Amino acid sequence: MEKIAKNIFEIKKILRKFGKIRLICVTKNRSADEIKSAIAAGISEIGENKIQEFLAKKKFLENEKIKTHFIGHLQKNKVRAAVENFDTIQSVDSAELAEKINFCAAKIGKKMEVFFQINISRDEKKFGFSPENFWKNCENLAQLKNLKIGGLMTILKLEKNPENSRQFFLEFKNFFEKIRARKIFLSENFCEISMGMSGDFSLAAECGATIVRIGRKIFS
């Protein structure tokens, strides 16, 4: 679809101002045909929120060269399916979930790329480690041998004025740098800051995001 291609072009044009930033196309509630149109327009990574929805579309995307990310809340009874069907799980929001992913990955001989979700705004409606809890747990998390720890992810509430999110984006970037400075995780792997969505991706990029997750602005 021409509109999808135009939207992707405009988003990438904005992102280029801030350096090399990876664009994850969020495909929740989108058809396989819409996803294929996005891929044809240059998308190489997609993000899904629900396991079953992705599995229904996966067979139509088998010939596409894309990297797949799970970005929704992952229930423990869906961990095996997520490990088997995704390249990256961005939403690891507890030590217990990390351990379950590590166990399932070991069972199939896979090194699973994960991001840890941090509730940087301390929003009671959001999942994720509190910064304090992650700081206490990160040494133990680094010992999970079947995890490739790629970075941190956060989700903020939707603001009418994106500027209201600036303080949290900057705090998240600063937190990432403090964790990296501890040199607990392999530096060549631990390099991604996933933050920012359709309404605030430009601000997130300005504040240090290396990955943005955009759906509505691509498909609307």
N, C-alpha and C. Protein backbone atom coordinates (compact mmCIF):
# COMPACT_ATOMS: atom_id res chain seq x y z
N MET A 1 0.83 -1.19 0.00
CA MET A 1 0.00 0.00 0.00
C MET A 1 0.88 1.25 0.00
N GLU A 2 0.53 2.18 -0.85
CA GLU A 2 1.34 3.39 -0.98
C GLU A 2 1.40 4.19 0.32
N LYS A 3 0.28 4.22 1.05
CA LYS A 3 0.24 5.01 2.28
C LYS A 3 1.20 4.46 3.32
N ILE A 4 1.25 3.14 3.44
CA ILE A 4 2.15 2.50 4.38
C ILE A 4 3.60 2.84 4.02
N ALA A 5 3.92 2.72 2.74
CA ALA A 5 5.28 3.02 2.28
C ALA A 5 5.63 4.48 2.57
N LYS A 6 4.69 5.38 2.32
CA LYS A 6 4.93 6.81 2.57
C LYS A 6 5.17 7.06 4.06
N ASN A 7 4.36 6.43 4.91
CA ASN A 7 4.51 6.62 6.36
C ASN A 7 5.88 6.13 6.84
N ILE A 8 6.29 4.98 6.34
CA ILE A 8 7.59 4.43 6.73
C ILE A 8 8.72 5.34 6.27
N PHE A 9 8.61 5.85 5.06
CA PHE A 9 9.63 6.77 4.54
C PHE A 9 9.75 7.99 5.45
N GLU A 10 8.62 8.57 5.86
CA GLU A 10 8.64 9.77 6.69
C GLU A 10 9.21 9.48 8.08
N ILE A 11 8.86 8.33 8.64
CA ILE A 11 9.38 7.97 9.96
C ILE A 11 10.89 7.78 9.90
N LYS A 12 11.36 7.07 8.89
CA LYS A 12 12.81 6.84 8.76
C LYS A 12 13.55 8.15 8.53
N LYS A 13 12.93 9.05 7.82
CA LYS A 13 13.55 10.37 7.57
C LYS A 13 13.76 11.10 8.88
N ILE A 14 12.78 11.04 9.77
CA ILE A 14 12.90 11.67 11.09
C ILE A 14 13.99 10.98 11.92
N LEU A 15 13.97 9.66 11.91
CA LEU A 15 14.94 8.90 12.73
C LEU A 15 16.38 9.14 12.31
N ARG A 16 16.59 9.34 11.00
CA ARG A 16 17.96 9.55 10.51
C ARG A 16 18.62 10.78 11.13
N LYS A 17 17.82 11.73 11.57
CA LYS A 17 18.37 12.94 12.20
C LYS A 17 19.10 12.60 13.50
N PHE A 18 18.76 11.46 14.09
CA PHE A 18 19.30 11.12 15.40
C PHE A 18 20.31 9.96 15.35
N GLY A 19 20.69 9.55 14.15
CA GLY A 19 21.66 8.48 14.01
C GLY A 19 21.01 7.19 13.55
N LYS A 20 21.70 6.08 13.82
CA LYS A 20 21.22 4.78 13.38
C LYS A 20 20.29 4.19 14.43
N ILE A 21 19.00 4.29 14.18
CA ILE A 21 18.00 3.81 15.13
C ILE A 21 17.15 2.75 14.46
N ARG A 22 17.00 1.62 15.13
CA ARG A 22 16.22 0.52 14.57
C ARG A 22 14.73 0.78 14.73
N LEU A 23 14.00 0.49 13.66
CA LEU A 23 12.55 0.69 13.65
C LEU A 23 11.86 -0.67 13.73
N ILE A 24 11.14 -0.90 14.83
CA ILE A 24 10.32 -2.11 14.97
C ILE A 24 8.90 -1.75 14.57
N CYS A 25 8.39 -2.44 13.57
CA CYS A 25 7.01 -2.22 13.11
C CYS A 25 6.08 -3.08 13.96
N VAL A 26 5.23 -2.43 14.74
CA VAL A 26 4.30 -3.14 15.62
C VAL A 26 3.09 -3.58 14.79
N THR A 27 2.88 -4.89 14.74
CA THR A 27 1.90 -5.46 13.81
C THR A 27 0.66 -6.02 14.51
N LYS A 28 0.43 -5.62 15.74
CA LYS A 28 -0.77 -6.02 16.47
C LYS A 28 -2.02 -5.61 15.69
N ASN A 29 -2.93 -6.56 15.52
CA ASN A 29 -4.21 -6.34 14.83
C ASN A 29 -4.04 -6.01 13.34
N ARG A 30 -2.88 -6.29 12.78
CA ARG A 30 -2.65 -6.04 11.35
C ARG A 30 -2.64 -7.35 10.58
N SER A 31 -3.14 -7.31 9.36
CA SER A 31 -3.21 -8.52 8.54
C SER A 31 -1.84 -8.87 7.96
N ALA A 32 -1.72 -10.10 7.48
CA ALA A 32 -0.48 -10.53 6.84
C ALA A 32 -0.19 -9.67 5.62
N ASP A 33 -1.22 -9.28 4.89
CA ASP A 33 -1.02 -8.44 3.70
C ASP A 33 -0.48 -7.06 4.09
N GLU A 34 -1.00 -6.50 5.17
CA GLU A 34 -0.50 -5.20 5.63
C GLU A 34 0.97 -5.32 6.05
N ILE A 35 1.28 -6.40 6.74
CA ILE A 35 2.65 -6.61 7.18
C ILE A 35 3.58 -6.76 5.98
N LYS A 36 3.13 -7.52 4.98
CA LYS A 36 3.94 -7.69 3.77
C LYS A 36 4.17 -6.37 3.06
N SER A 37 3.17 -5.50 3.08
CA SER A 37 3.33 -4.17 2.47
C SER A 37 4.39 -3.37 3.22
N ALA A 38 4.41 -3.48 4.54
CA ALA A 38 5.42 -2.78 5.33
C ALA A 38 6.82 -3.34 5.04
N ILE A 39 6.91 -4.65 4.92
CA ILE A 39 8.20 -5.29 4.61
C ILE A 39 8.69 -4.84 3.23
N ALA A 40 7.78 -4.79 2.27
CA ALA A 40 8.14 -4.35 0.92
C ALA A 40 8.63 -2.91 0.93
N ALA A 41 8.18 -2.14 1.92
CA ALA A 41 8.58 -0.73 2.03
C ALA A 41 9.83 -0.54 2.86
N GLY A 42 10.46 -1.64 3.26
CA GLY A 42 11.74 -1.52 3.95
C GLY A 42 11.79 -1.95 5.40
N ILE A 43 10.68 -2.46 5.93
CA ILE A 43 10.69 -2.93 7.32
C ILE A 43 11.37 -4.30 7.39
N SER A 44 12.28 -4.44 8.34
CA SER A 44 12.99 -5.72 8.51
C SER A 44 12.79 -6.34 9.88
N GLU A 45 12.08 -5.62 10.77
CA GLU A 45 11.82 -6.14 12.11
C GLU A 45 10.38 -5.82 12.49
N ILE A 46 9.68 -6.82 13.05
CA ILE A 46 8.31 -6.61 13.47
C ILE A 46 8.14 -6.99 14.93
N GLY A 47 7.16 -6.38 15.58
CA GLY A 47 6.87 -6.68 16.98
C GLY A 47 5.42 -7.06 17.16
N GLU A 48 5.19 -8.14 17.90
CA GLU A 48 3.82 -8.61 18.17
C GLU A 48 3.56 -8.65 19.67
N ASN A 49 2.32 -8.40 20.04
CA ASN A 49 1.93 -8.37 21.45
C ASN A 49 1.32 -9.67 21.94
N LYS A 50 0.77 -10.47 21.02
CA LYS A 50 0.07 -11.69 21.43
C LYS A 50 0.58 -12.89 20.65
N ILE A 51 0.87 -13.96 21.39
CA ILE A 51 1.43 -15.17 20.79
C ILE A 51 0.49 -15.75 19.75
N GLN A 52 -0.77 -15.97 20.11
CA GLN A 52 -1.71 -16.65 19.22
C GLN A 52 -1.94 -15.85 17.94
N GLU A 53 -2.00 -14.54 18.07
CA GLU A 53 -2.21 -13.71 16.88
C GLU A 53 -1.03 -13.84 15.93
N PHE A 54 0.18 -13.87 16.48
CA PHE A 54 1.36 -14.01 15.64
C PHE A 54 1.39 -15.37 14.96
N LEU A 55 1.07 -16.42 15.69
CA LEU A 55 1.12 -17.76 15.12
C LEU A 55 0.15 -17.90 13.94
N ALA A 56 -0.98 -17.20 14.02
CA ALA A 56 -1.95 -17.24 12.93
C ALA A 56 -1.42 -16.58 11.67
N LYS A 57 -0.51 -15.63 11.84
CA LYS A 57 0.05 -14.91 10.69
C LYS A 57 1.40 -15.45 10.23
N LYS A 58 2.06 -16.19 11.11
CA LYS A 58 3.43 -16.61 10.85
C LYS A 58 3.58 -17.40 9.55
N LYS A 59 2.63 -18.28 9.27
CA LYS A 59 2.74 -19.12 8.07
C LYS A 59 2.73 -18.31 6.78
N PHE A 60 2.12 -17.11 6.85
CA PHE A 60 2.07 -16.26 5.67
C PHE A 60 3.34 -15.42 5.51
N LEU A 61 4.20 -15.46 6.54
CA LEU A 61 5.40 -14.63 6.54
C LEU A 61 6.68 -15.45 6.49
N GLU A 62 6.55 -16.75 6.30
CA GLU A 62 7.71 -17.65 6.39
C GLU A 62 8.80 -17.35 5.36
N ASN A 63 8.43 -16.80 4.24
CA ASN A 63 9.42 -16.50 3.20
C ASN A 63 10.01 -15.10 3.31
N GLU A 64 9.56 -14.35 4.32
CA GLU A 64 10.04 -12.99 4.49
C GLU A 64 11.28 -12.98 5.39
N LYS A 65 12.24 -12.15 5.04
CA LYS A 65 13.45 -12.03 5.84
C LYS A 65 13.26 -10.95 6.89
N ILE A 66 12.71 -11.35 8.02
CA ILE A 66 12.42 -10.39 9.08
C ILE A 66 12.87 -10.95 10.42
N LYS A 67 13.16 -10.03 11.34
CA LYS A 67 13.45 -10.41 12.73
C LYS A 67 12.19 -10.15 13.53
N THR A 68 11.83 -11.10 14.39
CA THR A 68 10.56 -10.99 15.13
C THR A 68 10.81 -10.73 16.61
N HIS A 69 10.03 -9.80 17.15
CA HIS A 69 10.14 -9.43 18.55
C HIS A 69 8.81 -9.65 19.24
N PHE A 70 8.84 -10.27 20.43
CA PHE A 70 7.63 -10.28 21.25
C PHE A 70 7.71 -9.09 22.19
N ILE A 71 6.68 -8.24 22.18
CA ILE A 71 6.75 -6.99 22.94
C ILE A 71 5.61 -6.82 23.94
N GLY A 72 4.72 -7.83 24.03
CA GLY A 72 3.60 -7.73 24.96
C GLY A 72 3.92 -8.38 26.30
N HIS A 73 2.96 -8.32 27.20
CA HIS A 73 3.13 -8.99 28.50
C HIS A 73 3.11 -10.49 28.28
N LEU A 74 4.13 -11.17 28.74
CA LEU A 74 4.27 -12.60 28.49
C LEU A 74 3.86 -13.40 29.73
N GLN A 75 2.79 -14.17 29.56
CA GLN A 75 2.36 -15.05 30.64
C GLN A 75 3.27 -16.27 30.70
N LYS A 76 3.49 -16.79 31.89
CA LYS A 76 4.45 -17.89 32.05
C LYS A 76 4.04 -19.14 31.29
N ASN A 77 2.73 -19.36 31.09
CA ASN A 77 2.31 -20.55 30.35
C ASN A 77 2.48 -20.39 28.84
N LYS A 78 2.91 -19.21 28.40
CA LYS A 78 3.15 -18.98 26.96
C LYS A 78 4.64 -18.84 26.65
N VAL A 79 5.49 -19.05 27.66
CA VAL A 79 6.92 -18.83 27.48
C VAL A 79 7.50 -19.75 26.42
N ARG A 80 7.17 -21.03 26.48
CA ARG A 80 7.74 -21.97 25.52
C ARG A 80 7.41 -21.55 24.09
N ALA A 81 6.16 -21.16 23.84
CA ALA A 81 5.75 -20.74 22.49
C ALA A 81 6.51 -19.50 22.06
N ALA A 82 6.74 -18.58 22.99
CA ALA A 82 7.48 -17.36 22.66
C ALA A 82 8.93 -17.68 22.31
N VAL A 83 9.54 -18.55 23.09
CA VAL A 83 10.94 -18.94 22.84
C VAL A 83 11.08 -19.64 21.50
N GLU A 84 10.12 -20.48 21.17
CA GLU A 84 10.19 -21.25 19.93
C GLU A 84 9.92 -20.41 18.68
N ASN A 85 9.14 -19.33 18.82
CA ASN A 85 8.64 -18.64 17.63
C ASN A 85 9.15 -17.22 17.43
N PHE A 86 9.87 -16.66 18.38
CA PHE A 86 10.37 -15.29 18.24
C PHE A 86 11.89 -15.25 18.32
N ASP A 87 12.47 -14.25 17.68
CA ASP A 87 13.91 -14.04 17.75
C ASP A 87 14.31 -13.31 19.03
N THR A 88 13.45 -12.41 19.49
CA THR A 88 13.73 -11.60 20.67
C THR A 88 12.48 -11.47 21.52
N ILE A 89 12.64 -11.52 22.83
CA ILE A 89 11.55 -11.20 23.76
C ILE A 89 11.96 -9.92 24.47
N GLN A 90 11.25 -8.83 24.17
CA GLN A 90 11.62 -7.53 24.72
C GLN A 90 11.02 -7.27 26.10
N SER A 91 10.01 -8.04 26.47
CA SER A 91 9.20 -7.68 27.64
C SER A 91 9.41 -8.61 28.83
N VAL A 92 10.68 -8.86 29.18
CA VAL A 92 10.99 -9.70 30.34
C VAL A 92 10.88 -8.82 31.58
N ASP A 93 9.79 -9.01 32.32
CA ASP A 93 9.46 -8.04 33.37
C ASP A 93 9.65 -8.54 34.80
N SER A 94 10.24 -9.73 34.96
CA SER A 94 10.50 -10.23 36.31
C SER A 94 11.62 -11.27 36.26
N ALA A 95 12.24 -11.50 37.41
CA ALA A 95 13.30 -12.51 37.49
C ALA A 95 12.73 -13.90 37.24
N GLU A 96 11.51 -14.15 37.73
CA GLU A 96 10.88 -15.45 37.54
C GLU A 96 10.64 -15.74 36.06
N LEU A 97 10.21 -14.73 35.33
CA LEU A 97 9.98 -14.90 33.90
C LEU A 97 11.31 -15.14 33.18
N ALA A 98 12.33 -14.42 33.55
CA ALA A 98 13.66 -14.62 32.94
C ALA A 98 14.14 -16.05 33.14
N GLU A 99 13.95 -16.58 34.34
CA GLU A 99 14.37 -17.94 34.64
C GLU A 99 13.58 -18.96 33.82
N LYS A 100 12.30 -18.71 33.63
CA LYS A 100 11.48 -19.63 32.83
C LYS A 100 11.91 -19.59 31.36
N ILE A 101 12.19 -18.42 30.85
CA ILE A 101 12.68 -18.30 29.46
C ILE A 101 14.00 -19.02 29.31
N ASN A 102 14.90 -18.83 30.27
CA ASN A 102 16.19 -19.50 30.24
C ASN A 102 16.03 -21.02 30.23
N PHE A 103 15.12 -21.52 31.05
CA PHE A 103 14.86 -22.97 31.12
C PHE A 103 14.34 -23.50 29.79
N CYS A 104 13.35 -22.81 29.21
CA CYS A 104 12.77 -23.26 27.94
C CYS A 104 13.78 -23.16 26.80
N ALA A 105 14.59 -22.13 26.81
CA ALA A 105 15.62 -21.98 25.77
C ALA A 105 16.65 -23.10 25.86
N ALA A 106 17.03 -23.45 27.08
CA ALA A 106 17.99 -24.53 27.27
C ALA A 106 17.44 -25.86 26.76
N LYS A 107 16.15 -26.06 26.94
CA LYS A 107 15.50 -27.30 26.50
C LYS A 107 15.63 -27.52 25.00
N ILE A 108 15.61 -26.44 24.23
CA ILE A 108 15.69 -26.58 22.77
C ILE A 108 17.04 -26.15 22.21
N GLY A 109 17.99 -25.91 23.11
CA GLY A 109 19.33 -25.55 22.67
C GLY A 109 19.42 -24.19 22.02
N LYS A 110 18.67 -23.24 22.52
CA LYS A 110 18.62 -21.90 21.92
C LYS A 110 19.19 -20.87 22.89
N LYS A 111 19.90 -19.92 22.35
CA LYS A 111 20.35 -18.75 23.11
C LYS A 111 19.33 -17.65 22.80
N MET A 112 18.45 -17.36 23.74
CA MET A 112 17.32 -16.46 23.49
C MET A 112 17.70 -15.01 23.78
N GLU A 113 17.55 -14.16 22.77
CA GLU A 113 17.80 -12.73 23.00
C GLU A 113 16.64 -12.14 23.78
N VAL A 114 16.96 -11.42 24.84
CA VAL A 114 15.92 -10.79 25.66
C VAL A 114 16.33 -9.36 25.99
N PHE A 115 15.29 -8.55 26.23
CA PHE A 115 15.47 -7.22 26.82
C PHE A 115 14.71 -7.26 28.15
N PHE A 116 15.20 -6.56 29.14
CA PHE A 116 14.49 -6.48 30.41
C PHE A 116 13.62 -5.22 30.42
N GLN A 117 12.37 -5.41 30.77
CA GLN A 117 11.43 -4.29 30.81
C GLN A 117 11.51 -3.59 32.16
N ILE A 118 11.78 -2.30 32.11
CA ILE A 118 11.92 -1.50 33.33
C ILE A 118 10.74 -0.52 33.42
N ASN A 119 10.09 -0.52 34.55
CA ASN A 119 8.97 0.41 34.78
C ASN A 119 9.57 1.71 35.30
N ILE A 120 10.17 2.47 34.38
CA ILE A 120 10.95 3.64 34.77
C ILE A 120 10.07 4.74 35.36
N SER A 121 8.81 4.79 34.95
CA SER A 121 7.90 5.82 35.47
C SER A 121 7.18 5.37 36.73
N ARG A 122 7.43 4.12 37.13
CA ARG A 122 6.82 3.56 38.34
C ARG A 122 5.29 3.65 38.27
N ASP A 123 4.78 3.38 37.10
CA ASP A 123 3.34 3.42 36.84
C ASP A 123 2.72 2.10 37.29
N GLU A 124 1.76 2.16 38.19
CA GLU A 124 1.13 0.94 38.73
C GLU A 124 0.40 0.15 37.65
N LYS A 125 0.09 0.77 36.53
CA LYS A 125 -0.63 0.09 35.45
C LYS A 125 0.31 -0.56 34.45
N LYS A 126 1.61 -0.39 34.64
CA LYS A 126 2.59 -0.94 33.70
C LYS A 126 3.37 -2.10 34.34
N PHE A 127 3.77 -3.05 33.52
CA PHE A 127 4.60 -4.15 33.98
C PHE A 127 6.07 -3.72 33.96
N GLY A 128 6.91 -4.52 34.60
CA GLY A 128 8.33 -4.25 34.53
C GLY A 128 9.00 -4.23 35.89
N PHE A 129 10.32 -4.43 35.87
CA PHE A 129 11.12 -4.26 37.08
C PHE A 129 11.09 -2.79 37.50
N SER A 130 11.03 -2.55 38.78
CA SER A 130 11.36 -1.20 39.22
C SER A 130 12.87 -1.04 39.04
N PRO A 131 13.35 0.18 38.85
CA PRO A 131 14.80 0.35 38.70
C PRO A 131 15.58 -0.23 39.88
N GLU A 132 15.05 -0.05 41.08
CA GLU A 132 15.73 -0.55 42.28
C GLU A 132 15.79 -2.08 42.29
N ASN A 133 14.68 -2.72 41.91
CA ASN A 133 14.62 -4.17 41.90
C ASN A 133 15.55 -4.76 40.84
N PHE A 134 15.60 -4.11 39.68
CA PHE A 134 16.49 -4.61 38.63
C PHE A 134 17.95 -4.46 39.05
N TRP A 135 18.28 -3.36 39.68
CA TRP A 135 19.65 -3.13 40.13
C TRP A 135 20.10 -4.25 41.07
N LYS A 136 19.18 -4.68 41.95
CA LYS A 136 19.49 -5.74 42.91
C LYS A 136 19.61 -7.11 42.24
N ASN A 137 18.84 -7.31 41.15
CA ASN A 137 18.75 -8.63 40.53
C ASN A 137 19.68 -8.84 39.34
N CYS A 138 20.29 -7.79 38.82
CA CYS A 138 20.96 -7.93 37.52
C CYS A 138 22.14 -8.89 37.56
N GLU A 139 22.85 -9.01 38.68
CA GLU A 139 23.96 -9.95 38.74
C GLU A 139 23.47 -11.40 38.60
N ASN A 140 22.36 -11.71 39.26
CA ASN A 140 21.78 -13.05 39.13
C ASN A 140 21.26 -13.29 37.72
N LEU A 141 20.65 -12.29 37.13
CA LEU A 141 20.11 -12.42 35.77
C LEU A 141 21.23 -12.67 34.76
N ALA A 142 22.40 -12.08 35.01
CA ALA A 142 23.53 -12.25 34.10
C ALA A 142 24.06 -13.69 34.10
N GLN A 143 23.67 -14.48 35.10
CA GLN A 143 24.14 -15.86 35.19
C GLN A 143 23.28 -16.84 34.40
N LEU A 144 22.19 -16.38 33.83
CA LEU A 144 21.29 -17.26 33.07
C LEU A 144 21.92 -17.51 31.70
N LYS A 145 22.49 -18.68 31.54
CA LYS A 145 23.39 -18.96 30.42
C LYS A 145 22.71 -19.03 29.06
N ASN A 146 21.41 -19.29 29.03
CA ASN A 146 20.74 -19.40 27.73
C ASN A 146 20.03 -18.12 27.33
N LEU A 147 20.38 -17.03 27.98
CA LEU A 147 19.86 -15.72 27.60
C LEU A 147 20.97 -14.88 26.99
N LYS A 148 20.66 -14.25 25.86
CA LYS A 148 21.53 -13.23 25.28
C LYS A 148 20.89 -11.90 25.63
N ILE A 149 21.47 -11.18 26.55
CA ILE A 149 20.84 -9.98 27.09
C ILE A 149 21.22 -8.78 26.22
N GLY A 150 20.21 -8.32 25.47
CA GLY A 150 20.47 -7.31 24.45
C GLY A 150 20.28 -5.88 24.88
N GLY A 151 19.54 -5.66 25.98
CA GLY A 151 19.31 -4.29 26.41
C GLY A 151 18.12 -4.16 27.33
N LEU A 152 17.62 -2.94 27.42
CA LEU A 152 16.48 -2.64 28.28
C LEU A 152 15.35 -2.05 27.45
N MET A 153 14.13 -2.24 27.93
CA MET A 153 12.94 -1.71 27.27
C MET A 153 12.03 -1.05 28.30
N THR A 154 11.32 -0.01 27.89
CA THR A 154 10.32 0.59 28.76
C THR A 154 9.11 1.01 27.96
N ILE A 155 7.96 1.06 28.65
CA ILE A 155 6.71 1.53 28.05
C ILE A 155 6.16 2.61 28.96
N LEU A 156 5.90 3.77 28.40
CA LEU A 156 5.30 4.86 29.16
C LEU A 156 3.84 5.02 28.79
N LYS A 157 3.09 5.67 29.65
CA LYS A 157 1.69 5.93 29.32
C LYS A 157 1.62 6.94 28.19
N LEU A 158 0.54 6.86 27.41
CA LEU A 158 0.34 7.77 26.29
C LEU A 158 0.02 9.17 26.80
N GLU A 159 0.81 10.13 26.39
CA GLU A 159 0.62 11.52 26.80
C GLU A 159 0.13 12.36 25.62
N LYS A 160 -0.80 13.26 25.87
CA LYS A 160 -1.23 14.18 24.83
C LYS A 160 -0.08 15.07 24.40
N ASN A 161 0.73 15.45 25.36
CA ASN A 161 1.93 16.24 25.09
C ASN A 161 3.15 15.35 25.32
N PRO A 162 3.83 14.93 24.24
CA PRO A 162 4.99 14.04 24.38
C PRO A 162 6.07 14.59 25.31
N GLU A 163 6.16 15.90 25.42
CA GLU A 163 7.19 16.49 26.28
C GLU A 163 7.08 16.02 27.73
N ASN A 164 5.88 15.59 28.12
CA ASN A 164 5.69 15.09 29.48
C ASN A 164 6.48 13.80 29.73
N SER A 165 6.91 13.16 28.65
CA SER A 165 7.67 11.91 28.77
C SER A 165 9.18 12.13 28.79
N ARG A 166 9.61 13.34 28.50
CA ARG A 166 11.05 13.60 28.38
C ARG A 166 11.83 13.16 29.62
N GLN A 167 11.35 13.54 30.79
CA GLN A 167 12.10 13.24 32.01
C GLN A 167 12.29 11.73 32.19
N PHE A 168 11.28 10.93 31.78
CA PHE A 168 11.39 9.48 31.94
C PHE A 168 12.31 8.87 30.89
N PHE A 169 12.27 9.39 29.67
CA PHE A 169 13.20 8.91 28.64
C PHE A 169 14.64 9.18 29.05
N LEU A 170 14.89 10.37 29.56
CA LEU A 170 16.26 10.71 29.98
C LEU A 170 16.69 9.89 31.20
N GLU A 171 15.76 9.66 32.11
CA GLU A 171 16.06 8.84 33.28
C GLU A 171 16.36 7.39 32.86
N PHE A 172 15.62 6.91 31.87
CA PHE A 172 15.82 5.54 31.38
C PHE A 172 17.18 5.40 30.71
N LYS A 173 17.52 6.36 29.89
CA LYS A 173 18.84 6.36 29.23
C LYS A 173 19.96 6.37 30.28
N ASN A 174 19.80 7.21 31.29
CA ASN A 174 20.80 7.31 32.35
C ASN A 174 20.89 5.99 33.13
N PHE A 175 19.75 5.36 33.39
CA PHE A 175 19.73 4.09 34.10
C PHE A 175 20.44 3.01 33.29
N PHE A 176 20.17 2.98 31.98
CA PHE A 176 20.85 2.02 31.10
C PHE A 176 22.36 2.19 31.18
N GLU A 177 22.83 3.43 31.13
CA GLU A 177 24.27 3.69 31.17
C GLU A 177 24.88 3.25 32.50
N LYS A 178 24.15 3.43 33.59
CA LYS A 178 24.65 3.00 34.90
C LYS A 178 24.77 1.47 34.96
N ILE A 179 23.76 0.79 34.40
CA ILE A 179 23.81 -0.68 34.37
C ILE A 179 24.98 -1.14 33.50
N ARG A 180 25.14 -0.53 32.35
CA ARG A 180 26.22 -0.93 31.45
C ARG A 180 27.59 -0.70 32.09
N ALA A 181 27.69 0.37 32.88
CA ALA A 181 28.96 0.69 33.53
C ALA A 181 29.36 -0.37 34.56
N ARG A 182 28.40 -1.14 35.04
CA ARG A 182 28.72 -2.20 36.01
C ARG A 182 29.41 -3.38 35.32
N LYS A 183 29.30 -3.46 33.99
CA LYS A 183 29.96 -4.48 33.18
C LYS A 183 29.58 -5.90 33.61
N ILE A 184 28.31 -6.05 33.96
CA ILE A 184 27.79 -7.37 34.34
C ILE A 184 27.40 -8.16 33.09
N PHE A 185 26.79 -7.45 32.14
CA PHE A 185 26.36 -8.08 30.89
C PHE A 185 27.43 -7.84 29.82
N LEU A 186 27.55 -8.77 28.89
CA LEU A 186 28.52 -8.64 27.81
C LEU A 186 28.26 -7.36 27.02
N SER A 187 29.25 -6.50 26.95
CA SER A 187 29.05 -5.18 26.35
C SER A 187 28.69 -5.26 24.87
N GLU A 188 29.20 -6.28 24.16
CA GLU A 188 28.89 -6.38 22.73
C GLU A 188 27.43 -6.76 22.49
N ASN A 189 26.78 -7.37 23.48
CA ASN A 189 25.37 -7.71 23.37
C ASN A 189 24.47 -6.65 23.97
N PHE A 190 24.88 -6.14 25.12
CA PHE A 190 24.04 -5.23 25.91
C PHE A 190 24.20 -3.81 25.39
N CYS A 191 23.41 -3.47 24.37
CA CYS A 191 23.62 -2.17 23.71
C CYS A 191 22.33 -1.47 23.30
N GLU A 192 21.17 -2.07 23.56
CA GLU A 192 19.93 -1.50 23.03
C GLU A 192 19.07 -0.82 24.10
N ILE A 193 18.53 0.33 23.73
CA ILE A 193 17.58 1.07 24.56
C ILE A 193 16.28 1.17 23.76
N SER A 194 15.31 0.35 24.11
CA SER A 194 14.06 0.29 23.37
C SER A 194 13.01 1.14 24.08
N MET A 195 12.70 2.28 23.49
CA MET A 195 11.70 3.18 24.08
C MET A 195 11.13 4.07 22.98
N GLY A 196 9.89 4.47 23.17
CA GLY A 196 9.25 5.35 22.19
C GLY A 196 8.33 4.61 21.26
N MET A 197 7.13 5.18 21.06
CA MET A 197 6.14 4.59 20.16
C MET A 197 5.60 5.68 19.23
N SER A 198 4.45 5.43 18.63
CA SER A 198 3.97 6.33 17.58
C SER A 198 3.86 7.79 18.02
N GLY A 199 3.40 8.01 19.24
CA GLY A 199 3.15 9.38 19.67
C GLY A 199 4.36 10.13 20.17
N ASP A 200 5.45 9.41 20.44
CA ASP A 200 6.60 10.09 21.05
C ASP A 200 7.95 9.58 20.56
N PHE A 201 7.96 8.89 19.41
CA PHE A 201 9.21 8.26 18.96
C PHE A 201 10.31 9.27 18.66
N SER A 202 9.95 10.43 18.15
CA SER A 202 10.96 11.44 17.83
C SER A 202 11.65 11.93 19.10
N LEU A 203 10.88 12.17 20.14
CA LEU A 203 11.44 12.58 21.42
C LEU A 203 12.30 11.47 22.02
N ALA A 204 11.82 10.22 21.91
CA ALA A 204 12.60 9.09 22.43
C ALA A 204 13.94 8.99 21.72
N ALA A 205 13.93 9.19 20.41
CA ALA A 205 15.17 9.15 19.64
C ALA A 205 16.12 10.27 20.08
N GLU A 206 15.57 11.43 20.29
CA GLU A 206 16.37 12.56 20.76
C GLU A 206 17.00 12.27 22.11
N CYS A 207 16.28 11.51 22.94
CA CYS A 207 16.75 11.23 24.31
C CYS A 207 17.63 9.99 24.41
N GLY A 208 17.90 9.33 23.29
CA GLY A 208 18.85 8.24 23.33
C GLY A 208 18.36 6.86 22.96
N ALA A 209 17.14 6.72 22.47
CA ALA A 209 16.65 5.41 22.05
C ALA A 209 17.52 4.86 20.92
N THR A 210 17.74 3.55 20.94
CA THR A 210 18.38 2.89 19.81
C THR A 210 17.36 2.06 19.03
N ILE A 211 16.19 1.83 19.65
CA ILE A 211 15.09 1.12 19.02
C ILE A 211 13.80 1.85 19.35
N VAL A 212 12.95 2.06 18.36
CA VAL A 212 11.60 2.57 18.60
C VAL A 212 10.60 1.56 18.06
N ARG A 213 9.42 1.52 18.67
CA ARG A 213 8.38 0.54 18.33
C ARG A 213 7.15 1.29 17.82
N ILE A 214 6.87 1.20 16.54
CA ILE A 214 5.82 2.03 15.94
C ILE A 214 4.81 1.19 15.17
N GLY A 215 3.54 1.38 15.46
CA GLY A 215 2.49 0.68 14.77
C GLY A 215 1.50 1.63 14.12
N ARG A 216 0.76 2.35 14.93
CA ARG A 216 -0.31 3.22 14.45
C ARG A 216 0.18 4.20 13.39
N LYS A 217 1.33 4.79 13.60
CA LYS A 217 1.83 5.82 12.66
C LYS A 217 2.26 5.22 11.33
N ILE A 218 2.52 3.92 11.32
CA ILE A 218 2.84 3.25 10.06
C ILE A 218 1.58 2.89 9.30
N PHE A 219 0.58 2.39 10.00
CA PHE A 219 -0.58 1.82 9.31
C PHE A 219 -1.78 2.75 9.19
N SER A 220 -1.77 3.90 9.88
CA SER A 220 -2.93 4.78 9.81
C SER A 220 -2.87 5.70 8.59
